[in-house]
Amino acid sequence: MMTYTLATRMKAFQSSIFSELGAYKKEKIAAGHKMIDLSIGNPDMPPADFVRETMVHTASEKESYGYTLTGIQEFHEAVTEYYNNTHNVILNAEKEILLLMGSQDGLVHLPMVYANPGDIILVPDPGYTAYETGIQMAGATSYYMPLKKENDFLPNLQVIPEEIADKAKMMILNFPGNPVPAMAHEDFFKEVIAFAKKHNIIVVHDFAYAEFYFDGNKPISFLSVPGAKEVGVEINSLSKSYSLAGSRIGYMIGNEEIVGALTQFKSNTDYGVFLPIQKAASTALRNGAEFCEKNRTIYQERRDTLVDGFRTFGWNVDKPAGSMFVWAEIPKGWTSLEFAYALMDRANVVVTPGHAFGPHGEGFVRIALVQDKAVLQQVVEHIRNSGIFSLEKIEELVKN
């Protein structure tokens, strides 16, 4: 039998925590347990009817099956209108917008465009796992910026050593965040811009959860802050906000030079997004405000159902101001992995252990709000009745 040797770079890629959790969930289901999966941020509600109708209609046209390369003009104009109307950001539709196959397309590939082996990229810790993937593929080195509760889960730029900042090529930020649903304010972004100018760093703001905010606390676009376009870009997606996760469509906007560089890279790796998906996305951006508002109401009700329910038995979890996740601090005496497995074993609930998102994720679990209120009420009762929060049982549970 032939054997094949993997490239050295593949040593950095292990099976993901989601594969591990998924395999154990299958074992539990095979044993007769009904599991409630809150581990992955996969929207459970369909896109708006008018978006699906646009996709179906365009797919029925025989002209819709050719390459689209960097994206159709209609999509670029829809992004321009959306940012102008929603975030008061003016964009050049020709030079400052790039179509992506979902936000991960840009987040993973941009480090390969600008970072050489050994270069440093500043990343949030905890942070979305795709950031690390792109950095490893580029052969670059991550420098973790801790997101701590006492600092409102914002990175403290002042503690980054000068020699690290001078060597850094890129800084990745994410507000509202995944897994930490924190929000950034204008003063913080101003500090980021000044820091980036001082050290010649490209800023990449992951804004995938732009439409996920609660209590009227709307997040600001990084590009809405004066000077942002001089130092960076913003990457956005229609996966979560418009329930188009499987369609794989997003975009990068901002600095013309950076947009052009990734455009050049992608011209050698892919030929664009299926035309009906672009048409549907354009329709969503232009007409989706009511859909997004309805979704926000639903997710806020889910958030309140879960967090208020947890508080009734002593799990005092902070309410997220944005995104589609709850970032829950776990009881003392557990690792996040132990706690996640205890929830699967004793409550039939699947969540993601915080350590999967970086060293500073230890002590937390991420819970996705991707089930309706009735199911989330079941989650509350399952965990309440599991015994996990009975202090006298913690030592026994860990041993077992």
Protein backbone atom coordinates (compact mmCIF):
# COMPACT_ATOMS: atom_id res chain seq x y z
CA MET A 1 0.00 0.00 0.00
CA MET A 2 1.24 3.46 -0.91
CA THR A 3 1.99 5.88 1.91
CA TYR A 4 2.10 9.65 1.57
CA THR A 5 3.91 12.20 3.68
CA LEU A 6 2.06 15.34 4.68
CA ALA A 7 3.65 18.72 4.20
CA THR A 8 5.36 20.09 7.30
CA ARG A 9 2.78 22.87 7.56
CA MET A 10 0.07 20.28 8.20
CA LYS A 11 1.60 19.51 11.60
CA ALA A 12 -0.02 22.71 12.81
CA PHE A 13 -3.49 21.46 11.90
CA GLN A 14 -5.08 19.04 14.33
CA SER A 15 -8.66 17.80 14.48
CA SER A 16 -10.82 20.68 15.63
CA ILE A 17 -12.66 20.75 18.93
CA PHE A 18 -15.89 20.77 16.92
CA SER A 19 -15.00 17.41 15.38
CA GLU A 20 -14.23 16.04 18.83
CA LEU A 21 -17.49 17.30 20.30
CA GLY A 22 -19.43 16.10 17.26
CA ALA A 23 -18.02 12.59 17.56
CA TYR A 24 -18.93 12.38 21.24
CA LYS A 25 -22.40 13.75 20.52
CA LYS A 26 -22.92 10.95 17.99
CA GLU A 27 -21.94 8.41 20.65
CA LYS A 28 -24.47 9.90 23.05
CA ILE A 29 -27.22 9.87 20.42
CA ALA A 30 -26.40 6.26 19.52
CA ALA A 31 -26.82 5.43 23.21
CA GLY A 32 -30.33 6.87 23.16
CA HIS A 33 -29.76 10.41 24.43
CA LYS A 34 -31.47 13.41 22.84
CA MET A 35 -28.77 16.06 22.59
CA ILE A 36 -29.25 19.83 22.30
CA ASP A 37 -26.37 21.30 20.32
CA LEU A 38 -25.39 24.90 21.10
CA SER A 39 -21.75 24.52 20.07
CA ILE A 40 -21.71 26.06 16.59
CA GLY A 41 -23.03 29.45 15.43
CA ASN A 42 -25.08 28.05 12.57
CA PRO A 43 -28.24 30.19 12.11
CA ASP A 44 -31.37 28.09 12.57
CA MET A 45 -33.72 30.50 10.80
CA PRO A 46 -33.99 30.65 6.98
CA PRO A 47 -33.20 33.70 4.86
CA ALA A 48 -35.99 36.13 4.06
CA ASP A 49 -38.45 34.89 1.44
CA PHE A 50 -37.52 37.64 -1.01
CA VAL A 51 -33.85 36.64 -0.79
CA ARG A 52 -34.59 32.99 -1.52
CA GLU A 53 -36.92 33.96 -4.35
CA THR A 54 -34.19 36.07 -5.94
CA MET A 55 -31.76 33.17 -5.75
CA VAL A 56 -34.23 30.68 -7.21
CA HIS A 57 -35.25 33.02 -10.03
CA THR A 58 -31.67 33.84 -11.00
CA ALA A 59 -30.65 30.18 -10.84
CA SER A 60 -33.36 29.41 -13.41
CA GLU A 61 -31.74 31.72 -15.95
CA LYS A 62 -29.29 30.00 -18.28
CA GLU A 63 -26.97 33.03 -18.29
CA SER A 64 -26.25 32.61 -14.58
CA TYR A 65 -23.65 29.86 -14.75
CA GLY A 66 -20.47 31.59 -15.88
CA TYR A 67 -17.51 32.87 -13.87
CA THR A 68 -18.04 36.08 -11.92
CA LEU A 69 -14.40 36.71 -10.92
CA THR A 70 -14.27 39.73 -8.56
CA GLY A 71 -18.03 40.14 -8.30
CA ILE A 72 -20.85 41.77 -10.21
CA GLN A 73 -21.35 45.53 -10.20
CA GLU A 74 -24.75 45.16 -8.54
CA PHE A 75 -23.19 43.51 -5.50
CA HIS A 76 -20.50 46.18 -5.18
CA GLU A 77 -23.13 48.91 -5.38
CA ALA A 78 -25.33 47.15 -2.80
CA VAL A 79 -22.41 47.03 -0.35
CA THR A 80 -21.73 50.71 -0.99
CA GLU A 81 -25.36 51.66 -0.33
CA TYR A 82 -25.57 49.48 2.78
CA TYR A 83 -22.47 51.01 4.37
CA ASN A 84 -23.53 54.53 3.50
CA ASN A 85 -27.04 54.07 4.90
CA THR A 86 -26.18 51.92 7.92
CA HIS A 87 -22.73 53.10 9.04
CA ASN A 88 -22.29 56.47 7.31
CA VAL A 89 -19.23 55.13 5.50
CA ILE A 90 -18.53 56.25 1.91
CA LEU A 91 -16.92 53.59 -0.30
CA ASN A 92 -15.58 53.55 -3.83
CA ALA A 93 -17.48 50.65 -5.39
CA GLU A 94 -14.70 50.01 -7.92
CA LYS A 95 -11.59 50.13 -5.74
CA GLU A 96 -12.54 49.62 -2.10
CA ILE A 97 -14.72 46.49 -2.20
CA LEU A 98 -13.78 42.86 -2.80
CA LEU A 99 -16.23 39.96 -3.03
CA LEU A 100 -15.33 37.03 -0.75
CA MET A 101 -16.45 33.43 -0.43
CA GLY A 102 -17.57 34.17 3.11
CA SER A 103 -15.56 36.21 5.60
CA GLN A 104 -13.24 33.29 6.34
CA ASP A 105 -11.94 33.57 2.77
CA GLY A 106 -10.47 36.96 3.60
CA LEU A 107 -9.47 36.24 7.19
CA VAL A 108 -7.46 33.15 6.24
CA HIS A 109 -5.89 34.44 3.04
CA LEU A 110 -4.96 38.00 3.99
CA PRO A 111 -2.06 36.92 6.27
CA MET A 112 -0.67 34.95 3.32
CA VAL A 113 -0.65 38.16 1.27
CA TYR A 114 1.25 40.31 3.77
CA ALA A 115 3.09 38.10 6.26
CA ASN A 116 6.33 36.23 5.68
CA PRO A 117 7.52 33.29 7.79
CA GLY A 118 8.47 34.60 11.21
CA ASP A 119 6.49 37.84 10.95
CA ILE A 120 4.19 38.68 13.85
CA ILE A 121 0.42 39.09 13.70
CA LEU A 122 -1.48 40.46 16.70
CA VAL A 123 -4.61 38.43 17.44
CA PRO A 124 -7.30 38.53 20.13
CA ASP A 125 -7.16 35.83 22.79
CA PRO A 126 -9.68 34.26 22.90
CA GLY A 127 -10.48 34.64 19.22
CA TYR A 128 -12.10 33.00 16.23
CA THR A 129 -10.14 29.90 15.25
CA ALA A 130 -9.79 30.90 11.56
CA TYR A 131 -7.38 33.68 12.55
CA GLU A 132 -4.85 31.14 13.72
CA THR A 133 -5.37 29.05 10.59
CA GLY A 134 -4.41 31.90 8.29
CA ILE A 135 -1.39 32.81 10.39
CA GLN A 136 -0.12 29.23 10.39
CA MET A 137 -0.59 28.91 6.63
CA ALA A 138 1.49 32.06 6.16
CA GLY A 139 4.19 30.69 8.44
CA ALA A 140 3.81 33.76 10.63
CA THR A 141 3.76 33.94 14.43
CA SER A 142 0.78 34.89 16.58
CA TYR A 143 1.12 37.36 19.42
CA TYR A 144 -1.90 37.03 21.67
CA MET A 145 -3.69 40.12 22.93
CA PRO A 146 -5.60 38.97 26.04
CA LEU A 147 -9.28 39.90 26.25
CA LYS A 148 -9.98 40.27 29.96
CA LYS A 149 -13.23 40.97 31.75
CA GLU A 150 -11.66 43.76 33.82
CA ASN A 151 -10.84 45.60 30.57
CA ASP A 152 -14.32 45.08 29.04
CA PHE A 153 -12.77 42.35 26.86
CA LEU A 154 -10.84 44.94 24.83
CA PRO A 155 -7.14 44.33 24.14
CA ASN A 156 -4.80 46.58 26.10
CA LEU A 157 -2.51 48.00 23.43
CA GLN A 158 -0.32 49.73 26.00
CA VAL A 159 1.07 46.43 27.33
CA ILE A 160 2.23 45.17 23.92
CA PRO A 161 6.04 45.32 24.03
CA GLU A 162 7.56 47.90 21.70
CA GLU A 163 9.75 45.31 19.99
CA ILE A 164 6.66 43.17 19.25
CA ALA A 165 4.68 46.11 17.91
CA ASP A 166 7.54 47.15 15.63
CA LYS A 167 7.75 43.64 14.15
CA ALA A 168 4.00 43.17 13.75
CA LYS A 169 2.58 43.19 10.22
CA MET A 170 -1.10 42.94 11.08
CA MET A 171 -3.63 43.26 13.90
CA ILE A 172 -6.92 41.35 13.82
CA LEU A 173 -9.90 42.66 15.79
CA ASN A 174 -13.50 41.42 16.08
CA PHE A 175 -16.36 43.47 17.55
CA PRO A 176 -19.03 42.30 18.25
CA GLY A 177 -16.86 39.31 18.92
CA ASN A 178 -16.75 35.56 18.59
CA PRO A 179 -16.40 33.88 21.02
CA VAL A 180 -16.38 36.93 23.31
CA PRO A 181 -19.46 39.05 22.52
CA ALA A 182 -17.78 42.33 23.41
CA MET A 183 -18.39 45.71 21.79
CA ALA A 184 -15.79 48.33 20.87
CA HIS A 185 -16.28 52.08 21.16
CA GLU A 186 -14.97 54.92 19.03
CA ASP A 187 -12.22 55.92 21.45
CA PHE A 188 -10.79 52.40 21.34
CA PHE A 189 -10.74 52.39 17.54
CA LYS A 190 -9.03 55.80 17.58
CA GLU A 191 -6.36 54.29 19.81
CA VAL A 192 -6.01 51.36 17.39
CA ILE A 193 -5.56 53.72 14.42
CA ALA A 194 -2.87 55.72 16.22
CA PHE A 195 -1.10 52.50 17.24
CA ALA A 196 -1.25 51.16 13.68
CA LYS A 197 0.15 54.37 12.20
CA LYS A 198 2.99 54.46 14.72
CA HIS A 199 4.06 50.88 14.04
CA ASN A 200 3.02 50.54 10.36
CA ILE A 201 0.50 47.77 11.08
CA ILE A 202 -2.43 46.67 8.91
CA VAL A 203 -5.68 46.53 10.89
CA VAL A 204 -8.22 43.87 9.93
CA HIS A 205 -11.61 44.26 11.61
CA ASP A 206 -13.85 41.20 11.47
CA PHE A 207 -17.38 42.68 11.47
CA ALA A 208 -19.32 39.48 10.75
CA TYR A 209 -21.80 40.19 13.58
CA ALA A 210 -22.53 43.78 12.59
CA GLU A 211 -26.30 43.22 12.66
CA PHE A 212 -26.29 41.24 15.91
CA TYR A 213 -26.72 43.74 18.72
CA PHE A 214 -29.13 44.04 21.62
CA ASP A 215 -30.86 46.67 23.73
CA GLY A 216 -30.40 49.22 20.93
CA ASN A 217 -26.62 49.18 21.44
CA LYS A 218 -25.58 49.35 17.77
CA PRO A 219 -21.91 48.55 17.06
CA ILE A 220 -19.82 50.98 15.07
CA SER A 221 -17.92 50.14 11.92
CA PHE A 222 -14.15 50.49 12.24
CA LEU A 223 -14.22 52.37 8.93
CA SER A 224 -16.56 55.00 10.36
CA VAL A 225 -13.70 56.32 12.50
CA PRO A 226 -11.51 58.99 10.86
CA GLY A 227 -8.22 57.57 9.63
CA ALA A 228 -9.34 53.94 9.57
CA LYS A 229 -9.08 53.57 5.79
CA GLU A 230 -5.47 54.69 5.96
CA VAL A 231 -4.51 51.68 8.08
CA GLY A 232 -6.90 48.87 7.38
CA VAL A 233 -9.93 47.03 6.15
CA GLU A 234 -13.17 45.59 7.44
CA ILE A 235 -14.39 42.10 6.58
CA ASN A 236 -18.11 41.44 6.66
CA SER A 237 -20.36 38.50 5.91
CA LEU A 238 -23.96 37.70 5.07
CA SER A 239 -23.77 34.30 6.77
CA LYS A 240 -25.12 35.27 10.17
CA SER A 241 -26.92 38.59 9.63
CA TYR A 242 -28.99 37.32 6.69
CA SER A 243 -28.98 33.55 7.41
CA LEU A 244 -26.92 32.76 4.30
CA ALA A 245 -24.23 30.70 6.04
CA GLY A 246 -24.09 27.89 3.48
CA SER A 247 -24.07 30.29 0.54
CA ARG A 248 -20.55 31.47 1.37
CA ILE A 249 -20.61 35.14 0.53
CA GLY A 250 -18.98 38.11 2.19
CA TYR A 251 -16.79 41.06 1.34
CA MET A 252 -13.75 43.07 2.34
CA ILE A 253 -13.83 46.87 2.22
CA GLY A 254 -11.53 49.75 3.01
CA ASN A 255 -7.93 50.53 2.13
CA GLU A 256 -7.58 50.46 -1.66
CA GLU A 257 -4.05 49.03 -1.62
CA ILE A 258 -4.98 46.15 0.71
CA VAL A 259 -8.15 45.38 -1.25
CA GLY A 260 -6.10 45.34 -4.45
CA ALA A 261 -3.50 42.99 -2.98
CA LEU A 262 -6.06 40.40 -1.90
CA THR A 263 -7.82 40.80 -5.25
CA GLN A 264 -4.56 39.86 -6.96
CA PHE A 265 -4.16 36.82 -4.69
CA LYS A 266 -7.71 35.62 -5.27
CA SER A 267 -7.41 36.05 -9.04
CA ASN A 268 -4.99 33.13 -8.84
CA THR A 269 -7.06 30.94 -6.50
CA ASP A 270 -10.75 31.20 -7.41
CA TYR A 271 -13.23 32.55 -9.94
CA GLY A 272 -15.81 34.20 -7.73
CA VAL A 273 -19.15 33.36 -6.16
CA PHE A 274 -22.10 31.78 -7.99
CA LEU A 275 -24.11 34.58 -9.62
CA PRO A 276 -27.51 33.74 -8.03
CA ILE A 277 -25.88 33.98 -4.60
CA GLN A 278 -24.51 37.43 -5.42
CA LYS A 279 -27.93 38.55 -6.66
CA ALA A 280 -29.61 37.25 -3.51
CA ALA A 281 -26.99 38.91 -1.32
CA SER A 282 -27.45 42.22 -3.13
CA THR A 283 -31.18 42.02 -2.49
CA ALA A 284 -30.57 41.22 1.17
CA LEU A 285 -28.24 44.19 1.66
CA ARG A 286 -30.68 46.58 0.00
CA ASN A 287 -33.92 45.33 1.53
CA GLY A 288 -32.98 43.35 4.63
CA ALA A 289 -33.26 45.95 7.40
CA GLU A 290 -36.63 44.67 8.62
CA PHE A 291 -35.40 41.06 8.51
CA CYS A 292 -32.35 41.98 10.60
CA GLU A 293 -34.48 43.86 13.12
CA LYS A 294 -36.80 40.88 13.50
CA ASN A 295 -33.83 38.56 14.01
CA ARG A 296 -32.36 40.87 16.64
CA THR A 297 -35.60 40.71 18.59
CA ILE A 298 -35.66 36.91 18.42
CA TYR A 299 -32.03 36.55 19.48
CA GLN A 300 -32.42 39.05 22.31
CA GLU A 301 -35.37 37.04 23.63
CA ARG A 302 -33.27 33.89 23.39
CA ARG A 303 -30.41 35.58 25.22
CA ASP A 304 -32.72 36.67 28.02
CA THR A 305 -34.37 33.25 28.28
CA LEU A 306 -31.02 31.52 28.67
CA VAL A 307 -29.15 34.00 30.86
CA ASP A 308 -32.09 34.82 33.14
CA GLY A 309 -32.75 31.09 33.47
CA PHE A 310 -29.15 30.37 34.42
CA ARG A 311 -29.24 33.05 37.08
CA THR A 312 -32.16 31.34 38.84
CA PHE A 313 -29.86 28.53 39.96
CA GLY A 314 -26.73 30.55 40.59
CA TRP A 315 -24.94 30.58 37.24
CA ASN A 316 -24.46 34.35 37.03
CA VAL A 317 -23.63 34.82 33.38
CA ASP A 318 -23.15 38.23 31.76
CA LYS A 319 -25.65 39.20 29.08
CA PRO A 320 -23.94 39.76 25.73
CA ALA A 321 -24.41 43.15 24.10
CA GLY A 322 -23.93 41.66 20.63
CA SER A 323 -23.13 38.62 18.45
CA MET A 324 -25.02 35.32 18.68
CA PHE A 325 -23.13 33.80 21.62
CA VAL A 326 -23.13 33.78 25.39
CA TRP A 327 -19.62 33.74 26.88
CA ALA A 328 -20.21 32.05 30.20
CA GLU A 329 -17.73 31.89 33.04
CA ILE A 330 -17.77 28.41 34.57
CA PRO A 331 -17.63 27.41 38.25
CA LYS A 332 -14.23 27.23 39.93
CA GLY A 333 -12.62 23.80 40.02
CA TRP A 334 -13.32 22.87 36.42
CA THR A 335 -11.40 23.17 33.20
CA SER A 336 -13.52 24.34 30.30
CA LEU A 337 -13.15 20.94 28.61
CA GLU A 338 -14.22 19.07 31.76
CA PHE A 339 -17.22 21.33 32.10
CA ALA A 340 -18.24 20.90 28.46
CA TYR A 341 -18.12 17.12 28.78
CA ALA A 342 -20.03 17.26 32.07
CA LEU A 343 -22.80 19.19 30.30
CA MET A 344 -22.93 16.54 27.57
CA ASP A 345 -22.94 13.67 30.04
CA ARG A 346 -25.31 15.08 32.65
CA ALA A 347 -27.46 17.63 30.81
CA ASN A 348 -27.36 16.41 27.18
CA VAL A 349 -26.24 19.89 26.13
CA VAL A 350 -23.32 20.58 23.77
CA VAL A 351 -21.32 23.81 24.18
CA THR A 352 -17.78 24.76 23.15
CA PRO A 353 -15.02 24.86 25.79
CA GLY A 354 -13.33 28.24 25.91
CA HIS A 355 -9.79 26.90 25.72
CA ALA A 356 -10.43 26.07 22.04
CA PHE A 357 -10.31 29.80 21.27
CA GLY A 358 -7.00 30.54 22.98
CA PRO A 359 -5.30 30.35 26.38
CA HIS A 360 -7.40 33.15 27.87
CA GLY A 361 -10.56 31.27 26.92
CA GLU A 362 -9.91 28.84 29.75
CA GLY A 363 -12.51 29.20 32.49
CA PHE A 364 -15.35 29.91 30.03
CA VAL A 365 -17.65 28.11 27.60
CA ARG A 366 -19.25 29.52 24.47
CA ILE A 367 -22.97 28.93 24.04
CA ALA A 368 -24.61 29.64 20.66
CA LEU A 369 -28.15 31.04 20.66
CA VAL A 370 -29.20 28.83 17.75
CA GLN A 371 -32.30 27.15 19.19
CA ASP A 372 -35.72 28.62 19.85
CA LYS A 373 -36.84 29.79 23.29
CA ALA A 374 -38.65 26.56 24.14
CA VAL A 375 -35.50 24.53 23.57
CA LEU A 376 -33.38 27.01 25.53
CA GLN A 377 -35.81 26.69 28.43
CA GLN A 378 -35.16 22.95 28.28
CA VAL A 379 -31.43 23.67 28.39
CA VAL A 380 -31.91 25.70 31.57
CA GLU A 381 -33.87 22.88 33.21
CA HIS A 382 -31.44 20.18 32.07
CA ILE A 383 -28.49 22.05 33.56
CA ARG A 384 -30.43 22.97 36.70
CA ASN A 385 -31.25 19.31 37.29
CA SER A 386 -27.80 17.99 36.36
CA GLY A 387 -26.26 18.52 39.77
CA ILE A 388 -23.33 20.38 38.24
CA PHE A 389 -24.05 23.53 40.22
CA SER A 390 -24.49 21.77 43.55
CA LEU A 391 -21.20 22.65 45.20
CA GLU A 392 -21.07 19.49 47.26
CA LYS A 393 -21.21 17.43 44.07
CA ILE A 394 -18.46 19.15 42.09
CA GLU A 395 -15.63 17.01 43.44
CA GLU A 396 -17.66 13.86 42.82
CA LEU A 397 -18.55 14.93 39.28
CA VAL A 398 -14.95 15.68 38.38
CA LYS A 399 -13.85 12.28 39.67
CA ASN A 400 -16.54 10.54 37.64
